[in-house]
Protein backbone atom coordinates (compact mmCIF):
# COMPACT_ATOMS: atom_id res chain seq x y z
CA MET A 1 -16.42 49.37 -46.03
CA GLN A 2 -18.86 47.28 -44.04
CA LYS A 3 -19.11 43.70 -45.33
CA ASN A 4 -22.47 42.70 -43.78
CA LEU A 5 -25.45 44.44 -42.26
CA VAL A 6 -26.70 42.47 -39.26
CA VAL A 7 -30.41 42.61 -38.41
CA THR A 8 -32.23 40.78 -35.62
CA THR A 9 -35.76 39.78 -36.55
CA GLN A 10 -38.36 38.41 -34.19
CA ALA A 11 -39.30 35.47 -36.40
CA ALA A 12 -35.97 34.45 -37.94
CA GLY A 13 -33.42 35.61 -35.39
CA VAL A 14 -30.13 37.10 -36.57
CA VAL A 15 -29.90 37.74 -40.31
CA ARG A 16 -26.84 39.00 -42.20
CA ILE A 17 -27.16 40.90 -45.48
CA ASN A 18 -24.10 41.05 -47.72
CA CYS A 19 -23.43 44.72 -48.54
CA ARG A 20 -22.03 43.98 -52.00
CA THR A 21 -24.56 41.45 -53.29
CA GLY A 22 -27.64 41.85 -51.08
CA ARG A 23 -27.62 38.13 -50.37
CA ILE A 24 -29.27 37.15 -47.08
CA TYR A 25 -27.60 34.70 -44.70
CA TRP A 26 -29.46 33.06 -41.85
CA GLU A 27 -27.66 32.47 -38.55
CA GLN A 28 -30.19 29.82 -37.48
CA LYS A 29 -29.75 26.53 -39.29
CA ASN A 30 -32.80 24.56 -40.51
CA LEU A 31 -35.05 27.59 -40.35
CA ASP A 32 -38.61 27.01 -41.56
CA PRO A 33 -38.95 28.18 -45.22
CA VAL A 34 -42.13 30.09 -44.33
CA LEU A 35 -40.23 32.08 -41.67
CA LYS A 36 -37.45 32.78 -44.19
CA GLN A 37 -39.95 34.13 -46.70
CA TYR A 38 -41.64 36.25 -44.02
CA ALA A 39 -38.27 37.65 -42.89
CA LYS A 40 -37.22 38.42 -46.49
CA LYS A 41 -40.43 40.38 -47.06
CA TYR A 42 -39.91 42.23 -43.78
CA LEU A 43 -36.29 43.10 -44.65
CA LEU A 44 -37.34 44.41 -48.07
CA ALA A 45 -40.37 46.32 -46.78
CA GLU A 46 -38.40 48.04 -44.02
CA GLY A 47 -35.52 49.00 -46.34
CA PHE A 48 -32.77 46.91 -44.73
CA VAL A 49 -31.64 45.38 -48.05
CA GLU A 50 -31.48 48.82 -49.67
CA GLN A 51 -29.58 50.14 -46.66
CA ALA A 52 -27.06 47.29 -46.92
CA LEU A 53 -26.54 47.97 -50.63
CA GLY A 54 -26.19 51.70 -50.01
CA VAL A 55 -29.03 52.72 -52.33
CA LEU A 56 -31.09 54.61 -49.75
CA ASP A 57 -31.00 58.39 -49.94
CA PRO A 58 -28.83 59.39 -46.97
CA GLU A 59 -30.44 62.83 -46.65
CA PRO A 60 -34.05 63.06 -45.48
CA ASP A 61 -36.42 65.12 -47.60
CA LYS A 62 -36.33 68.62 -46.12
CA SER A 63 -39.62 69.63 -47.74
CA ALA A 64 -41.52 67.08 -45.65
CA ASP A 65 -40.53 68.72 -42.36
CA LEU A 66 -43.36 70.42 -40.55
CA SER A 67 -42.96 73.47 -38.38
CA PRO A 68 -44.95 73.88 -35.14
CA ASP A 69 -47.17 76.40 -36.98
CA ASP A 70 -47.99 73.79 -39.65
CA VAL A 71 -49.01 71.27 -37.00
CA SER A 72 -51.30 73.74 -35.23
CA ASN A 73 -52.92 74.60 -38.57
CA LEU A 74 -53.57 70.90 -39.19
CA ASP A 75 -55.33 70.66 -35.81
CA ASP A 76 -57.64 73.55 -36.78
CA VAL A 77 -58.60 71.89 -40.07
CA SER A 78 -59.40 68.49 -38.54
CA SER A 79 -61.72 69.97 -35.87
């Protein structure tokens, strides 16, 4: 089993998320607390913490798939 999920963020650099606890580790030392908070919100919003903990649904929702006919029908409605 994977021990850490590694994510590179633009603001905070390389971040490691422990796959058992969800704890976030910062590779950069003395990182600004505001950047840490921003990166935490980003990691939560984008689902990286859930992915590390293995709580994301691995199968995409099949009912949300659109066929080419569905897309062409949407174009007709919006016109």
